[in-house]
Amino acid sequence: MKVAWDIHLPGLQRLHHVGTDFTNADRVRFFAENMGRRLEDREGLRRALDTGVNPSEETRRLAFDTFFGDTLEDMIDSDFEIYKKIKDDPNFGALFRAVMYRRIAGVLQSRAAAV
């Protein structure tokens, strides 16, 4: 499948690759990486996932869900098909959200431990 791909990268202008073949797995990976960078940069999310500040796993997940939803809405134009799949397919959306939570929580905890 030939797709036009727009991805937002910090510090760079939008990249536009026309005629490049991307698999669905590539597209989901790029979307997840892009979302991950955005989420990792959110100071409020860093505080919300800090186990010293917020010891409740349930509360941390609820806070993450809010940041995830806001970030997802901000990314509607980066890949509408993946955005729509996350929103419209409850199984895929729940799996994507859970994977992102584990990834982001792990990254932020590693950063906090290194400080």
C-alpha atoms as a PDB file:
ATOM      1  CA  MET A   1       0.000   0.000   0.000  1.00  0.00           C
ATOM      2  CA  LYS A   2       1.380   3.414  -0.924  1.00  0.00           C
ATOM      3  CA  VAL A   3       0.627   6.101   1.638  1.00  0.00           C
ATOM      4  CA  ALA A   4       1.586   9.684   2.230  1.00  0.00           C
ATOM      5  CA  TRP A   5       3.080   9.878   5.715  1.00  0.00           C
ATOM      6  CA  ASP A   6       3.162  12.962   7.915  1.00  0.00           C
ATOM      7  CA  ILE A   7       4.914  12.683  11.250  1.00  0.00           C
ATOM      8  CA  HIS A   8       5.678  15.407  13.763  1.00  0.00           C
ATOM      9  CA  LEU A   9       9.173  15.258  15.228  1.00  0.00           C
ATOM     10  CA  PRO A  10      10.448  17.580  17.950  1.00  0.00           C
ATOM     11  CA  GLY A  11      12.838  20.168  16.544  1.00  0.00           C
ATOM     12  CA  LEU A  12      12.167  19.273  12.931  1.00  0.00           C
ATOM     13  CA  GLN A  13       9.615  20.397  10.429  1.00  0.00           C
ATOM     14  CA  ARG A  14       7.026  17.880   9.292  1.00  0.00           C
ATOM     15  CA  LEU A  15       8.480  15.149   7.153  1.00  0.00           C
ATOM     16  CA  HIS A  16       6.543  14.143   4.108  1.00  0.00           C
ATOM     17  CA  HIS A  17       7.414  10.923   2.346  1.00  0.00           C
ATOM     18  CA  VAL A  18       5.363  10.368  -0.787  1.00  0.00           C
ATOM     19  CA  GLY A  19       5.272   6.958  -2.406  1.00  0.00           C
ATOM     20  CA  THR A  20       6.957   5.167   0.516  1.00  0.00           C
ATOM     21  CA  ASP A  21       5.585   1.751   1.407  1.00  0.00           C
ATOM     22  CA  PHE A  22       4.772   1.468   5.103  1.00  0.00           C
ATOM     23  CA  THR A  23       3.216  -1.611   6.645  1.00  0.00           C
ATOM     24  CA  ASN A  24       0.442  -1.206   9.179  1.00  0.00           C
ATOM     25  CA  ALA A  25       2.934  -2.271  11.851  1.00  0.00           C
ATOM     26  CA  ASP A  26       5.307   0.522  10.735  1.00  0.00           C
ATOM     27  CA  ARG A  27       2.519   3.067  10.904  1.00  0.00           C
ATOM     28  CA  VAL A  28       1.408   1.962  14.380  1.00  0.00           C
ATOM     29  CA  ARG A  29       5.029   1.994  15.593  1.00  0.00           C
ATOM     30  CA  PHE A  30       5.596   5.536  14.244  1.00  0.00           C
ATOM     31  CA  PHE A  31       2.309   6.685  15.791  1.00  0.00           C
ATOM     32  CA  ALA A  32       3.205   5.114  19.155  1.00  0.00           C
ATOM     33  CA  GLU A  33       6.714   6.611  19.120  1.00  0.00           C
ATOM     34  CA  ASN A  34       5.321  10.036  18.295  1.00  0.00           C
ATOM     35  CA  MET A  35       2.702   9.749  21.032  1.00  0.00           C
ATOM     36  CA  GLY A  36       5.305   8.481  23.481  1.00  0.00           C
ATOM     37  CA  ARG A  37       7.520  11.534  22.932  1.00  0.00           C
ATOM     38  CA  ARG A  38       4.556  13.830  23.460  1.00  0.00           C
ATOM     39  CA  LEU A  39       3.477  12.047  26.643  1.00  0.00           C
ATOM     40  CA  GLU A  40       7.005  11.892  28.082  1.00  0.00           C
ATOM     41  CA  ASP A  41       7.263  15.676  27.720  1.00  0.00           C
ATOM     42  CA  ARG A  42       4.125  16.348  29.784  1.00  0.00           C
ATOM     43  CA  GLU A  43       5.203  17.565  33.235  1.00  0.00           C
ATOM     44  CA  GLY A  44       1.740  16.926  34.671  1.00  0.00           C
ATOM     45  CA  LEU A  45       1.904  13.311  33.553  1.00  0.00           C
ATOM     46  CA  ARG A  46       5.353  12.901  35.095  1.00  0.00           C
ATOM     47  CA  ARG A  47       3.958  14.062  38.437  1.00  0.00           C
ATOM     48  CA  ALA A  48       0.795  11.949  38.085  1.00  0.00           C
ATOM     49  CA  LEU A  49       2.810   8.768  37.438  1.00  0.00           C
ATOM     50  CA  ASP A  50       5.326   9.420  40.216  1.00  0.00           C
ATOM     51  CA  THR A  51       4.729   6.637  42.756  1.00  0.00           C
ATOM     52  CA  GLY A  52       6.116   8.864  45.530  1.00  0.00           C
ATOM     53  CA  VAL A  53       3.484  11.495  44.800  1.00  0.00           C
ATOM     54  CA  ASN A  54       0.705   9.157  43.703  1.00  0.00           C
ATOM     55  CA  PRO A  55       1.016   5.665  45.280  1.00  0.00           C
ATOM     56  CA  SER A  56      -2.300   4.359  43.897  1.00  0.00           C
ATOM     57  CA  GLU A  57      -1.928   2.339  40.679  1.00  0.00           C
ATOM     58  CA  GLU A  58      -5.597   2.968  39.871  1.00  0.00           C
ATOM     59  CA  THR A  59      -5.227   6.731  40.247  1.00  0.00           C
ATOM     60  CA  ARG A  60      -2.059   6.720  38.113  1.00  0.00           C
ATOM     61  CA  ARG A  61      -3.900   4.818  35.373  1.00  0.00           C
ATOM     62  CA  LEU A  62      -6.852   7.208  35.499  1.00  0.00           C
ATOM     63  CA  ALA A  63      -4.509  10.186  35.229  1.00  0.00           C
ATOM     64  CA  PHE A  64      -2.693   8.525  32.323  1.00  0.00           C
ATOM     65  CA  ASP A  65      -6.017   7.919  30.556  1.00  0.00           C
ATOM     66  CA  THR A  66      -6.746  11.649  30.655  1.00  0.00           C
ATOM     67  CA  PHE A  67      -3.344  12.600  29.238  1.00  0.00           C
ATOM     68  CA  PHE A  68      -3.584   9.779  26.678  1.00  0.00           C
ATOM     69  CA  GLY A  69      -6.988  10.983  25.476  1.00  0.00           C
ATOM     70  CA  ASP A  70      -5.850  14.595  25.184  1.00  0.00           C
ATOM     71  CA  THR A  71      -2.692  13.589  23.311  1.00  0.00           C
ATOM     72  CA  LEU A  72      -4.632  11.273  21.017  1.00  0.00           C
ATOM     73  CA  GLU A  73      -6.964  14.124  20.073  1.00  0.00           C
ATOM     74  CA  ASP A  74      -3.936  16.332  19.344  1.00  0.00           C
ATOM     75  CA  MET A  75      -2.629  13.624  16.998  1.00  0.00           C
ATOM     76  CA  ILE A  76      -5.746  13.218  14.862  1.00  0.00           C
ATOM     77  CA  ASP A  77      -3.952  14.606  11.808  1.00  0.00           C
ATOM     78  CA  SER A  78      -0.745  12.587  12.153  1.00  0.00           C
ATOM     79  CA  ASP A  79      -2.470   9.346  11.019  1.00  0.00           C
ATOM     80  CA  PHE A  80      -6.247   9.490  10.941  1.00  0.00           C
ATOM     81  CA  GLU A  81      -6.633   5.764  10.202  1.00  0.00           C
ATOM     82  CA  ILE A  82      -4.738   4.758  13.340  1.00  0.00           C
ATOM     83  CA  TYR A  83      -6.512   7.434  15.374  1.00  0.00           C
ATOM     84  CA  LYS A  84      -9.855   6.058  14.152  1.00  0.00           C
ATOM     85  CA  LYS A  85      -8.830   2.454  14.869  1.00  0.00           C
ATOM     86  CA  ILE A  86      -7.893   3.372  18.454  1.00  0.00           C
ATOM     87  CA  LYS A  87     -11.182   5.250  18.928  1.00  0.00           C
ATOM     88  CA  ASP A  88     -13.518   2.831  17.123  1.00  0.00           C
ATOM     89  CA  ASP A  89     -12.099  -0.606  17.967  1.00  0.00           C
ATOM     90  CA  PRO A  90     -12.441  -1.109  21.737  1.00  0.00           C
ATOM     91  CA  ASN A  91     -10.077  -4.108  21.823  1.00  0.00           C
ATOM     92  CA  PHE A  92      -7.336  -2.412  19.811  1.00  0.00           C
ATOM     93  CA  GLY A  93      -7.813   0.873  21.677  1.00  0.00           C
ATOM     94  CA  ALA A  94      -7.570  -0.806  25.094  1.00  0.00           C
ATOM     95  CA  LEU A  95      -4.492  -2.779  24.052  1.00  0.00           C
ATOM     96  CA  PHE A  96      -2.784   0.293  22.568  1.00  0.00           C
ATOM     97  CA  ARG A  97      -3.548   2.346  25.692  1.00  0.00           C
ATOM     98  CA  ALA A  98      -2.277  -0.422  28.016  1.00  0.00           C
ATOM     99  CA  VAL A  99       0.958  -0.828  26.065  1.00  0.00           C
ATOM    100  CA  MET A 100       1.510   2.928  26.057  1.00  0.00           C
ATOM    101  CA  TYR A 101       0.847   3.116  29.815  1.00  0.00           C
ATOM    102  CA  ARG A 102       3.419   0.411  30.574  1.00  0.00           C
ATOM    103  CA  ARG A 103       5.957   2.002  28.230  1.00  0.00           C
ATOM    104  CA  ILE A 104       5.529   5.573  29.482  1.00  0.00           C
ATOM    105  CA  ALA A 105       5.354   4.583  33.166  1.00  0.00           C
ATOM    106  CA  GLY A 106       8.553   2.568  32.735  1.00  0.00           C
ATOM    107  CA  VAL A 107      10.396   5.388  30.948  1.00  0.00           C
ATOM    108  CA  LEU A 108       9.356   7.988  33.500  1.00  0.00           C
ATOM    109  CA  GLN A 109      10.224   5.745  36.461  1.00  0.00           C
ATOM    110  CA  SER A 110      13.666   5.061  34.950  1.00  0.00           C
ATOM    111  CA  ARG A 111      14.266   8.773  34.511  1.00  0.00           C
ATOM    112  CA  ALA A 112      13.179   9.494  38.087  1.00  0.00           C
ATOM    113  CA  ALA A 113      15.485   6.764  39.446  1.00  0.00           C
ATOM    114  CA  ALA A 114      18.419   8.189  37.509  1.00  0.00           C
ATOM    115  CA  VAL A 115      18.012  11.618  39.123  1.00  0.00           C
END
